Amino acid sequence: MTKQTKNEPKFTPGPWRVERREFDFCGNCDISVSTDELLIADIYNDDVPGMANAALIAAAPEMYEVLERAYTALWDDGYMYNKSQKLRADISTVLAKARGE
């Protein structure tokens, strides 16, 4: 097992996908979010909010990557612009939360 650094995400890498599955024993559908090898989440509500929630969950790894790039892009040759200080702090907080810190 490889050792992770503090700022490395601990979640399952993407891509994650959404699939609708039917269960014959009760006639209901559920929605799963998974990778090729791992189930990430089951959502037992296949209505519009359920699908929207599944899509949001499935997009999490990509959103994390985009936020990391945005965080880095807010620096210009090592100098942080004043207008971006609050945004950069907010992004840092969200990225730490996503890493479980």
PDB file of N, CA and C in Angstrom:
ATOM      1  N   MET A   1       0.852  -1.181   0.000  1.00  0.00           N
ATOM      2  CA  MET A   1       0.000   0.000   0.000  1.00  0.00           C
ATOM      3  C   MET A   1       0.896   1.243   0.000  1.00  0.00           C
ATOM      4  N   THR A   2       0.567   2.215  -0.840  1.00  0.00           N
ATOM      5  CA  THR A   2       1.372   3.431  -0.912  1.00  0.00           C
ATOM      6  C   THR A   2       0.947   4.417   0.153  1.00  0.00           C
ATOM      7  N   LYS A   3       1.919   5.165   0.644  1.00  0.00           N
ATOM      8  CA  LYS A   3       1.646   6.165   1.663  1.00  0.00           C
ATOM      9  C   LYS A   3       1.153   7.449   1.000  1.00  0.00           C
ATOM     10  N   GLN A   4       0.097   8.034   1.539  1.00  0.00           N
ATOM     11  CA  GLN A   4      -0.458   9.262   0.986  1.00  0.00           C
ATOM     12  C   GLN A   4       0.021  10.457   1.785  1.00  0.00           C
ATOM     13  N   THR A   5       0.235  11.561   1.077  1.00  0.00           N
ATOM     14  CA  THR A   5       0.583  12.791   1.754  1.00  0.00           C
ATOM     15  C   THR A   5      -0.680  13.467   2.249  1.00  0.00           C
ATOM     16  N   LYS A   6      -0.511  14.482   3.090  1.00  0.00           N
ATOM     17  CA  LYS A   6      -1.663  15.162   3.697  1.00  0.00           C
ATOM     18  C   LYS A   6      -2.620  15.732   2.653  1.00  0.00           C
ATOM     19  N   ASN A   7      -2.107  16.341   1.594  1.00  0.00           N
ATOM     20  CA  ASN A   7      -2.962  17.016   0.618  1.00  0.00           C
ATOM     21  C   ASN A   7      -3.409  16.115  -0.532  1.00  0.00           C
ATOM     22  N   GLU A   8      -3.132  14.829  -0.441  1.00  0.00           N
ATOM     23  CA  GLU A   8      -3.567  13.920  -1.482  1.00  0.00           C
ATOM     24  C   GLU A   8      -4.986  13.446  -1.194  1.00  0.00           C
ATOM     25  N   PRO A   9      -5.862  13.450  -2.202  1.00  0.00           N
ATOM     26  CA  PRO A   9      -7.221  12.958  -1.955  1.00  0.00           C
ATOM     27  C   PRO A   9      -7.205  11.467  -1.626  1.00  0.00           C
ATOM     28  N   LYS A  10      -8.096  11.078  -0.739  1.00  0.00           N
ATOM     29  CA  LYS A  10      -8.192   9.686  -0.323  1.00  0.00           C
ATOM     30  C   LYS A  10      -9.384   8.978  -0.969  1.00  0.00           C
ATOM     31  N   PHE A  11     -10.170   9.718  -1.734  1.00  0.00           N
ATOM     32  CA  PHE A  11     -11.347   9.126  -2.360  1.00  0.00           C
ATOM     33  C   PHE A  11     -10.958   8.312  -3.590  1.00  0.00           C
ATOM     34  N   THR A  12     -11.882   7.493  -4.038  1.00  0.00           N
ATOM     35  CA  THR A  12     -11.674   6.665  -5.223  1.00  0.00           C
ATOM     36  C   THR A  12     -11.556   7.551  -6.457  1.00  0.00           C
ATOM     37  N   PRO A  13     -10.487   7.378  -7.235  1.00  0.00           N
ATOM     38  CA  PRO A  13     -10.324   8.209  -8.439  1.00  0.00           C
ATOM     39  C   PRO A  13     -11.460   7.974  -9.434  1.00  0.00           C
ATOM     40  N   GLY A  14     -11.744   8.998 -10.230  1.00  0.00           N
ATOM     41  CA  GLY A  14     -12.763   8.891 -11.261  1.00  0.00           C
ATOM     42  C   GLY A  14     -12.197   8.199 -12.479  1.00  0.00           C
ATOM     43  N   PRO A  15     -12.974   8.087 -13.524  1.00  0.00           N
ATOM     44  CA  PRO A  15     -14.327   8.619 -13.623  1.00  0.00           C
ATOM     45  C   PRO A  15     -15.355   7.738 -12.903  1.00  0.00           C
ATOM     46  N   TRP A  16     -16.387   8.408 -12.410  1.00  0.00           N
ATOM     47  CA  TRP A  16     -17.526   7.732 -11.808  1.00  0.00           C
ATOM     48  C   TRP A  16     -18.690   7.858 -12.779  1.00  0.00           C
ATOM     49  N   ARG A  17     -19.541   6.863 -12.828  1.00  0.00           N
ATOM     50  CA  ARG A  17     -20.672   6.899 -13.764  1.00  0.00           C
ATOM     51  C   ARG A  17     -21.981   6.593 -13.038  1.00  0.00           C
ATOM     52  N   VAL A  18     -23.052   7.036 -13.641  1.00  0.00           N
ATOM     53  CA  VAL A  18     -24.402   6.834 -13.100  1.00  0.00           C
ATOM     54  C   VAL A  18     -25.087   5.756 -13.924  1.00  0.00           C
ATOM     55  N   GLU A  19     -25.715   4.822 -13.238  1.00  0.00           N
ATOM     56  CA  GLU A  19     -26.485   3.777 -13.911  1.00  0.00           C
ATOM     57  C   GLU A  19     -27.808   3.576 -13.186  1.00  0.00           C
ATOM     58  N   ARG A  20     -28.852   3.359 -13.944  1.00  0.00           N
ATOM     59  CA  ARG A  20     -30.157   3.031 -13.368  1.00  0.00           C
ATOM     60  C   ARG A  20     -30.291   1.511 -13.401  1.00  0.00           C
ATOM     61  N   ARG A  21     -30.677   0.949 -12.244  1.00  0.00           N
ATOM     62  CA  ARG A  21     -30.833  -0.499 -12.140  1.00  0.00           C
ATOM     63  C   ARG A  21     -32.235  -0.820 -11.647  1.00  0.00           C
ATOM     64  N   GLU A  22     -32.801  -1.913 -12.153  1.00  0.00           N
ATOM     65  CA  GLU A  22     -34.114  -2.367 -11.680  1.00  0.00           C
ATOM     66  C   GLU A  22     -33.944  -3.566 -10.777  1.00  0.00           C
ATOM     67  N   PHE A  23     -34.751  -3.617  -9.745  1.00  0.00           N
ATOM     68  CA  PHE A  23     -34.783  -4.764  -8.859  1.00  0.00           C
ATOM     69  C   PHE A  23     -36.107  -5.483  -9.068  1.00  0.00           C
ATOM     70  N   ASP A  24     -36.044  -6.697  -9.557  1.00  0.00           N
ATOM     71  CA  ASP A  24     -37.253  -7.466  -9.854  1.00  0.00           C
ATOM     72  C   ASP A  24     -38.079  -7.780  -8.619  1.00  0.00           C
ATOM     73  N   PHE A  25     -37.435  -8.007  -7.473  1.00  0.00           N
ATOM     74  CA  PHE A  25     -38.173  -8.456  -6.290  1.00  0.00           C
ATOM     75  C   PHE A  25     -39.128  -7.411  -5.740  1.00  0.00           C
ATOM     76  N   CYS A  26     -38.900  -6.148  -6.040  1.00  0.00           N
ATOM     77  CA  CYS A  26     -39.841  -5.134  -5.542  1.00  0.00           C
ATOM     78  C   CYS A  26     -40.360  -4.236  -6.660  1.00  0.00           C
ATOM     79  N   GLY A  27     -39.841  -4.414  -7.860  1.00  0.00           N
ATOM     80  CA  GLY A  27     -40.324  -3.638  -8.986  1.00  0.00           C
ATOM     81  C   GLY A  27     -39.847  -2.205  -9.015  1.00  0.00           C
ATOM     82  N   ASN A  28     -38.985  -1.830  -8.093  1.00  0.00           N
ATOM     83  CA  ASN A  28     -38.470  -0.456  -8.058  1.00  0.00           C
ATOM     84  C   ASN A  28     -37.106  -0.359  -8.727  1.00  0.00           C
ATOM     85  N   CYS A  29     -36.782   0.840  -9.092  1.00  0.00           N
ATOM     86  CA  CYS A  29     -35.464   1.112  -9.652  1.00  0.00           C
ATOM     87  C   CYS A  29     -34.626   1.819  -8.602  1.00  0.00           C
ATOM     88  N   ASP A  30     -33.348   1.659  -8.731  1.00  0.00           N
ATOM     89  CA  ASP A  30     -32.466   2.507  -7.961  1.00  0.00           C
ATOM     90  C   ASP A  30     -31.377   2.992  -8.892  1.00  0.00           C
ATOM     91  N   ILE A  31     -30.584   3.903  -8.405  1.00  0.00           N
ATOM     92  CA  ILE A  31     -29.530   4.504  -9.197  1.00  0.00           C
ATOM     93  C   ILE A  31     -28.222   4.196  -8.498  1.00  0.00           C
ATOM     94  N   SER A  32     -27.220   3.783  -9.262  1.00  0.00           N
ATOM     95  CA  SER A  32     -25.922   3.539  -8.654  1.00  0.00           C
ATOM     96  C   SER A  32     -24.894   4.474  -9.276  1.00  0.00           C
ATOM     97  N   VAL A  33     -23.921   4.835  -8.465  1.00  0.00           N
ATOM     98  CA  VAL A  33     -22.755   5.587  -8.921  1.00  0.00           C
ATOM     99  C   VAL A  33     -21.580   4.662  -8.678  1.00  0.00           C
ATOM    100  N   SER A  34     -20.790   4.414  -9.733  1.00  0.00           N
ATOM    101  CA  SER A  34     -19.718   3.436  -9.597  1.00  0.00           C
ATOM    102  C   SER A  34     -18.576   3.723 -10.567  1.00  0.00           C
ATOM    103  N   THR A  35     -17.466   3.013 -10.327  1.00  0.00           N
ATOM    104  CA  THR A  35     -16.369   2.950 -11.287  1.00  0.00           C
ATOM    105  C   THR A  35     -16.500   1.591 -11.963  1.00  0.00           C
ATOM    106  N   ASP A  36     -15.529   1.210 -12.759  1.00  0.00           N
ATOM    107  CA  ASP A  36     -15.565  -0.121 -13.364  1.00  0.00           C
ATOM    108  C   ASP A  36     -15.447  -1.221 -12.318  1.00  0.00           C
ATOM    109  N   GLU A  37     -14.829  -0.902 -11.173  1.00  0.00           N
ATOM    110  CA  GLU A  37     -14.542  -1.932 -10.184  1.00  0.00           C
ATOM    111  C   GLU A  37     -15.223  -1.749  -8.831  1.00  0.00           C
ATOM    112  N   LEU A  38     -15.829  -0.594  -8.577  1.00  0.00           N
ATOM    113  CA  LEU A  38     -16.297  -0.307  -7.230  1.00  0.00           C
ATOM    114  C   LEU A  38     -17.615   0.464  -7.239  1.00  0.00           C
ATOM    115  N   LEU A  39     -18.535   0.034  -6.370  1.00  0.00           N
ATOM    116  CA  LEU A  39     -19.773   0.780  -6.157  1.00  0.00           C
ATOM    117  C   LEU A  39     -19.464   1.946  -5.223  1.00  0.00           C
ATOM    118  N   ILE A  40     -19.794   3.151  -5.627  1.00  0.00           N
ATOM    119  CA  ILE A  40     -19.561   4.348  -4.817  1.00  0.00           C
ATOM    120  C   ILE A  40     -20.793   4.650  -3.974  1.00  0.00           C
ATOM    121  N   ALA A  41     -21.982   4.614  -4.596  1.00  0.00           N
ATOM    122  CA  ALA A  41     -23.209   4.958  -3.876  1.00  0.00           C
ATOM    123  C   ALA A  41     -24.413   4.330  -4.558  1.00  0.00           C
ATOM    124  N   ASP A  42     -25.398   3.987  -3.747  1.00  0.00           N
ATOM    125  CA  ASP A  42     -26.712   3.577  -4.243  1.00  0.00           C
ATOM    126  C   ASP A  42     -27.699   4.639  -3.803  1.00  0.00           C
ATOM    127  N   ILE A  43     -28.555   5.041  -4.714  1.00  0.00           N
ATOM    128  CA  ILE A  43     -29.590   6.025  -4.411  1.00  0.00           C
ATOM    129  C   ILE A  43     -30.923   5.350  -4.699  1.00  0.00           C
ATOM    130  N   TYR A  44     -31.730   5.175  -3.663  1.00  0.00           N
ATOM    131  CA  TYR A  44     -32.997   4.458  -3.799  1.00  0.00           C
ATOM    132  C   TYR A  44     -34.131   5.428  -4.058  1.00  0.00           C
ATOM    133  N   ASN A  45     -33.981   6.182  -5.119  1.00  0.00           N
ATOM    134  CA  ASN A  45     -34.977   7.177  -5.475  1.00  0.00           C
ATOM    135  C   ASN A  45     -34.692   7.552  -6.915  1.00  0.00           C
ATOM    136  N   ASP A  46     -35.417   6.969  -7.850  1.00  0.00           N
ATOM    137  CA  ASP A  46     -35.080   7.202  -9.250  1.00  0.00           C
ATOM    138  C   ASP A  46     -35.899   8.322  -9.882  1.00  0.00           C
ATOM    139  N   ASP A  47     -36.351   9.274  -9.060  1.00  0.00           N
ATOM    140  CA  ASP A  47     -37.052  10.429  -9.609  1.00  0.00           C
ATOM    141  C   ASP A  47     -36.035  11.479 -10.046  1.00  0.00           C
ATOM    142  N   VAL A  48     -36.507  12.636 -10.448  1.00  0.00           N
ATOM    143  CA  VAL A  48     -35.625  13.696 -10.951  1.00  0.00           C
ATOM    144  C   VAL A  48     -34.587  14.116  -9.913  1.00  0.00           C
ATOM    145  N   PRO A  49     -34.965  14.405  -8.648  1.00  0.00           N
ATOM    146  CA  PRO A  49     -33.921  14.761  -7.675  1.00  0.00           C
ATOM    147  C   PRO A  49     -32.923  13.619  -7.446  1.00  0.00           C
ATOM    148  N   GLY A  50     -33.395  12.382  -7.480  1.00  0.00           N
ATOM    149  CA  GLY A  50     -32.494  11.243  -7.305  1.00  0.00           C
ATOM    150  C   GLY A  50     -31.447  11.178  -8.400  1.00  0.00           C
ATOM    151  N   MET A  51     -31.875  11.353  -9.649  1.00  0.00           N
ATOM    152  CA  MET A  51     -30.933  11.357 -10.775  1.00  0.00           C
ATOM    153  C   MET A  51     -29.985  12.549 -10.679  1.00  0.00           C
ATOM    154  N   ALA A  52     -30.514  13.706 -10.291  1.00  0.00           N
ATOM    155  CA  ALA A  52     -29.668  14.892 -10.154  1.00  0.00           C
ATOM    156  C   ALA A  52     -28.632  14.691  -9.053  1.00  0.00           C
ATOM    157  N   ASN A  53     -29.038  14.081  -7.936  1.00  0.00           N
ATOM    158  CA  ASN A  53     -28.094  13.802  -6.853  1.00  0.00           C
ATOM    159  C   ASN A  53     -27.016  12.835  -7.315  1.00  0.00           C
ATOM    160  N   ALA A  54     -27.414  11.809  -8.054  1.00  0.00           N
ATOM    161  CA  ALA A  54     -26.448  10.839  -8.575  1.00  0.00           C
ATOM    162  C   ALA A  54     -25.460  11.509  -9.524  1.00  0.00           C
ATOM    163  N   ALA A  55     -25.954  12.389 -10.388  1.00  0.00           N
ATOM    164  CA  ALA A  55     -25.075  13.097 -11.317  1.00  0.00           C
ATOM    165  C   ALA A  55     -24.076  13.978 -10.574  1.00  0.00           C
ATOM    166  N   LEU A  56     -24.536  14.635  -9.520  1.00  0.00           N
ATOM    167  CA  LEU A  56     -23.650  15.477  -8.715  1.00  0.00           C
ATOM    168  C   LEU A  56     -22.571  14.631  -8.035  1.00  0.00           C
ATOM    169  N   ILE A  57     -22.968  13.501  -7.468  1.00  0.00           N
ATOM    170  CA  ILE A  57     -22.001  12.610  -6.828  1.00  0.00           C
ATOM    171  C   ILE A  57     -20.981  12.113  -7.855  1.00  0.00           C
ATOM    172  N   ALA A  58     -21.457  11.695  -9.014  1.00  0.00           N
ATOM    173  CA  ALA A  58     -20.572  11.162 -10.046  1.00  0.00           C
ATOM    174  C   ALA A  58     -19.584  12.206 -10.565  1.00  0.00           C
ATOM    175  N   ALA A  59     -19.955  13.469 -10.521  1.00  0.00           N
ATOM    176  CA  ALA A  59     -19.079  14.538 -11.007  1.00  0.00           C
ATOM    177  C   ALA A  59     -18.024  14.949  -9.983  1.00  0.00           C
ATOM    178  N   ALA A  60     -18.115  14.455  -8.755  1.00  0.00           N
ATOM    179  CA  ALA A  60     -17.231  14.897  -7.677  1.00  0.00           C
ATOM    180  C   ALA A  60     -15.740  14.802  -8.003  1.00  0.00           C
ATOM    181  N   PRO A  61     -15.226  13.685  -8.536  1.00  0.00           N
ATOM    182  CA  PRO A  61     -13.787  13.648  -8.823  1.00  0.00           C
ATOM    183  C   PRO A  61     -13.345  14.701  -9.848  1.00  0.00           C
ATOM    184  N   GLU A  62     -14.163  14.912 -10.869  1.00  0.00           N
ATOM    185  CA  GLU A  62     -13.838  15.925 -11.875  1.00  0.00           C
ATOM    186  C   GLU A  62     -13.900  17.334 -11.287  1.00  0.00           C
ATOM    187  N   MET A  63     -14.908  17.585 -10.446  1.00  0.00           N
ATOM    188  CA  MET A  63     -15.012  18.905  -9.809  1.00  0.00           C
ATOM    189  C   MET A  63     -13.804  19.153  -8.914  1.00  0.00           C
ATOM    190  N   TYR A  64     -13.355  18.126  -8.211  1.00  0.00           N
ATOM    191  CA  TYR A  64     -12.181  18.258  -7.358  1.00  0.00           C
ATOM    192  C   TYR A  64     -10.960  18.664  -8.195  1.00  0.00           C
ATOM    193  N   GLU A  65     -10.761  17.982  -9.321  1.00  0.00           N
ATOM    194  CA  GLU A  65      -9.628  18.297 -10.192  1.00  0.00           C
ATOM    195  C   GLU A  65      -9.700  19.726 -10.724  1.00  0.00           C
ATOM    196  N   VAL A  66     -10.887  20.156 -11.126  1.00  0.00           N
ATOM    197  CA  VAL A  66     -11.056  21.522 -11.638  1.00  0.00           C
ATOM    198  C   VAL A  66     -10.775  22.542 -10.534  1.00  0.00           C
ATOM    199  N   LEU A  67     -11.246  22.285  -9.321  1.00  0.00           N
ATOM    200  CA  LEU A  67     -10.973  23.198  -8.211  1.00  0.00           C
ATOM    201  C   LEU A  67      -9.484  23.265  -7.898  1.00  0.00           C
ATOM    202  N   GLU A  68      -8.789  22.134  -7.984  1.00  0.00           N
ATOM    203  CA  GLU A  68      -7.339  22.157  -7.770  1.00  0.00           C
ATOM    204  C   GLU A  68      -6.652  23.048  -8.807  1.00  0.00           C
ATOM    205  N   ARG A  69      -7.068  22.926 -10.069  1.00  0.00           N
ATOM    206  CA  ARG A  69      -6.472  23.759 -11.128  1.00  0.00           C
ATOM    207  C   ARG A  69      -6.814  25.229 -10.922  1.00  0.00           C
ATOM    208  N   ALA A  70      -8.049  25.527 -10.526  1.00  0.00           N
ATOM    209  CA  ALA A  70      -8.455  26.910 -10.277  1.00  0.00           C
ATOM    210  C   ALA A  70      -7.662  27.500  -9.121  1.00  0.00           C
ATOM    211  N   TYR A  71      -7.460  26.708  -8.082  1.00  0.00           N
ATOM    212  CA  TYR A  71      -6.684  27.150  -6.916  1.00  0.00           C
ATOM    213  C   TYR A  71      -5.281  27.563  -7.353  1.00  0.00           C
ATOM    214  N   THR A  72      -4.661  26.735  -8.172  1.00  0.00           N
ATOM    215  CA  THR A  72      -3.313  27.029  -8.674  1.00  0.00           C
ATOM    216  C   THR A  72      -3.322  28.235  -9.606  1.00  0.00           C
ATOM    217  N   ALA A  73      -4.348  28.353 -10.444  1.00  0.00           N
ATOM    218  CA  ALA A  73      -4.414  29.436 -11.428  1.00  0.00           C
ATOM    219  C   ALA A  73      -4.602  30.804 -10.786  1.00  0.00           C
ATOM    220  N   LEU A  74      -5.048  30.842  -9.547  1.00  0.00           N
ATOM    221  CA  LEU A  74      -5.253  32.131  -8.883  1.00  0.00           C
ATOM    222  C   LEU A  74      -3.931  32.771  -8.446  1.00  0.00           C
ATOM    223  N   TRP A  75      -2.847  32.100  -8.681  1.00  0.00           N
ATOM    224  CA  TRP A  75      -1.510  32.663  -8.429  1.00  0.00           C
ATOM    225  C   TRP A  75      -0.919  33.074  -9.765  1.00  0.00           C
ATOM    226  N   ASP A  76      -0.248  34.188  -9.799  1.00  0.00           N
ATOM    227  CA  ASP A  76       0.410  34.653 -11.010  1.00  0.00           C
ATOM    228  C   ASP A  76       1.888  34.850 -10.667  1.00  0.00           C
ATOM    229  N   ASP A  77       2.723  33.904 -11.070  1.00  0.00           N
ATOM    230  CA  ASP A  77       4.155  33.951 -10.759  1.00  0.00           C
ATOM    231  C   ASP A  77       4.407  34.105  -9.261  1.00  0.00           C
ATOM    232  N   GLY A  78       3.660  33.379  -8.450  1.00  0.00           N
ATOM    233  CA  GLY A  78       3.857  33.405  -7.012  1.00  0.00           C
ATOM    234  C   GLY A  78       3.180  34.567  -6.310  1.00  0.00           C
ATOM    235  N   TYR A  79       2.526  35.447  -7.039  1.00  0.00           N
ATOM    236  CA  TYR A  79       1.859  36.600  -6.427  1.00  0.00           C
ATOM    237  C   TYR A  79       0.355  36.394  -6.502  1.00  0.00           C
ATOM    238  N   MET A  80      -0.302  36.461  -5.382  1.00  0.00           N
ATOM    239  CA  MET A  80      -1.749  36.279  -5.344  1.00  0.00           C
ATOM    240  C   MET A  80      -2.433  37.642  -5.428  1.00  0.00           C
ATOM    241  N   TYR A  81      -3.346  37.801  -6.358  1.00  0.00           N
ATOM    242  CA  TYR A  81      -4.105  39.035  -6.486  1.00  0.00           C
ATOM    243  C   TYR A  81      -5.052  39.189  -5.307  1.00  0.00           C
ATOM    244  N   ASN A  82      -5.258  40.410  -4.859  1.00  0.00           N
ATOM    245  CA  ASN A  82      -6.129  40.681  -3.713  1.00  0.00           C
ATOM    246  C   ASN A  82      -7.557  40.176  -3.936  1.00  0.00           C
ATOM    247  N   LYS A  83      -8.083  40.352  -5.136  1.00  0.00           N
ATOM    248  CA  LYS A  83      -9.459  39.948  -5.419  1.00  0.00           C
ATOM    249  C   LYS A  83      -9.649  38.438  -5.302  1.00  0.00           C
ATOM    250  N   SER A  84      -8.595  37.692  -5.489  1.00  0.00           N
ATOM    251  CA  SER A  84      -8.731  36.242  -5.484  1.00  0.00           C
ATOM    252  C   SER A  84      -8.438  35.617  -4.119  1.00  0.00           C
ATOM    253  N   GLN A  85      -8.038  36.410  -3.127  1.00  0.00           N
ATOM    254  CA  GLN A  85      -7.690  35.841  -1.827  1.00  0.00           C
ATOM    255  C   GLN A  85      -8.860  35.098  -1.188  1.00  0.00           C
ATOM    256  N   LYS A  86     -10.029  35.695  -1.168  1.00  0.00           N
ATOM    257  CA  LYS A  86     -11.208  35.068  -0.563  1.00  0.00           C
ATOM    258  C   LYS A  86     -11.614  33.819  -1.341  1.00  0.00           C
ATOM    259  N   LEU A  87     -11.627  33.920  -2.661  1.00  0.00           N
ATOM    260  CA  LEU A  87     -11.989  32.774  -3.489  1.00  0.00           C
ATOM    261  C   LEU A  87     -10.996  31.638  -3.288  1.00  0.00           C
ATOM    262  N   ARG A  88      -9.726  31.950  -3.250  1.00  0.00           N
ATOM    263  CA  ARG A  88      -8.706  30.924  -3.056  1.00  0.00           C
ATOM    264  C   ARG A  88      -8.867  30.269  -1.680  1.00  0.00           C
ATOM    265  N   ALA A  89      -9.166  31.048  -0.670  1.00  0.00           N
ATOM    266  CA  ALA A  89      -9.397  30.500   0.671  1.00  0.00           C
ATOM    267  C   ALA A  89     -10.616  29.576   0.676  1.00  0.00           C
ATOM    268  N   ASP A  90     -11.687  29.988  -0.013  1.00  0.00           N
ATOM    269  CA  ASP A  90     -12.892  29.156  -0.100  1.00  0.00           C
ATOM    270  C   ASP A  90     -12.592  27.840  -0.818  1.00  0.00           C
ATOM    271  N   ILE A  91     -11.853  27.916  -1.912  1.00  0.00           N
ATOM    272  CA  ILE A  91     -11.498  26.709  -2.662  1.00  0.00           C
ATOM    273  C   ILE A  91     -10.644  25.792  -1.796  1.00  0.00           C
ATOM    274  N   SER A  92      -9.694  26.363  -1.085  1.00  0.00           N
ATOM    275  CA  SER A  92      -8.840  25.571  -0.206  1.00  0.00           C
ATOM    276  C   SER A  92      -9.665  24.836   0.852  1.00  0.00           C
ATOM    277  N   THR A  93     -10.647  25.511   1.420  1.00  0.00           N
ATOM    278  CA  THR A  93     -11.520  24.913   2.431  1.00  0.00           C
ATOM    279  C   THR A  93     -12.321  23.750   1.840  1.00  0.00           C
ATOM    280  N   VAL A  94     -12.864  23.946   0.651  1.00  0.00           N
ATOM    281  CA  VAL A  94     -13.673  22.904   0.003  1.00  0.00           C
ATOM    282  C   VAL A  94     -12.800  21.702  -0.377  1.00  0.00           C
ATOM    283  N   LEU A  95     -11.597  21.957  -0.885  1.00  0.00           N
ATOM    284  CA  LEU A  95     -10.705  20.859  -1.249  1.00  0.00           C
ATOM    285  C   LEU A  95     -10.314  20.050  -0.002  1.00  0.00           C
ATOM    286  N   ALA A  96     -10.032  20.734   1.092  1.00  0.00           N
ATOM    287  CA  ALA A  96      -9.689  20.036   2.343  1.00  0.00           C
ATOM    288  C   ALA A  96     -10.874  19.200   2.822  1.00  0.00           C
ATOM    289  N   LYS A  97     -12.067  19.754   2.718  1.00  0.00           N
ATOM    290  CA  LYS A  97     -13.281  19.022   3.111  1.00  0.00           C
ATOM    291  C   LYS A  97     -13.440  17.759   2.256  1.00  0.00           C
ATOM    292  N   ALA A  98     -13.196  17.897   0.959  1.00  0.00           N
ATOM    293  CA  ALA A  98     -13.313  16.742   0.050  1.00  0.00           C
ATOM    294  C   ALA A  98     -12.260  15.675   0.358  1.00  0.00           C
ATOM    295  N   ARG A  99     -11.112  16.102   0.891  1.00  0.00           N
ATOM    296  CA  ARG A  99     -10.072  15.141   1.285  1.00  0.00           C
ATOM    297  C   ARG A  99     -10.343  14.535   2.654  1.00  0.00           C
ATOM    298  N   GLY A 100     -11.380  14.997   3.333  1.00  0.00           N
ATOM    299  CA  GLY A 100     -11.727  14.470   4.639  1.00  0.00           C
ATOM    300  C   GLY A 100     -10.911  15.070   5.769  1.00  0.00           C
ATOM    301  N   GLU A 101     -10.364  16.242   5.550  1.00  0.00           N
ATOM    302  CA  GLU A 101      -9.538  16.903   6.576  1.00  0.00           C
ATOM    303  C   GLU A 101     -10.381  17.831   7.432  1.00  0.00           C
TER     304      GLU A 101
END
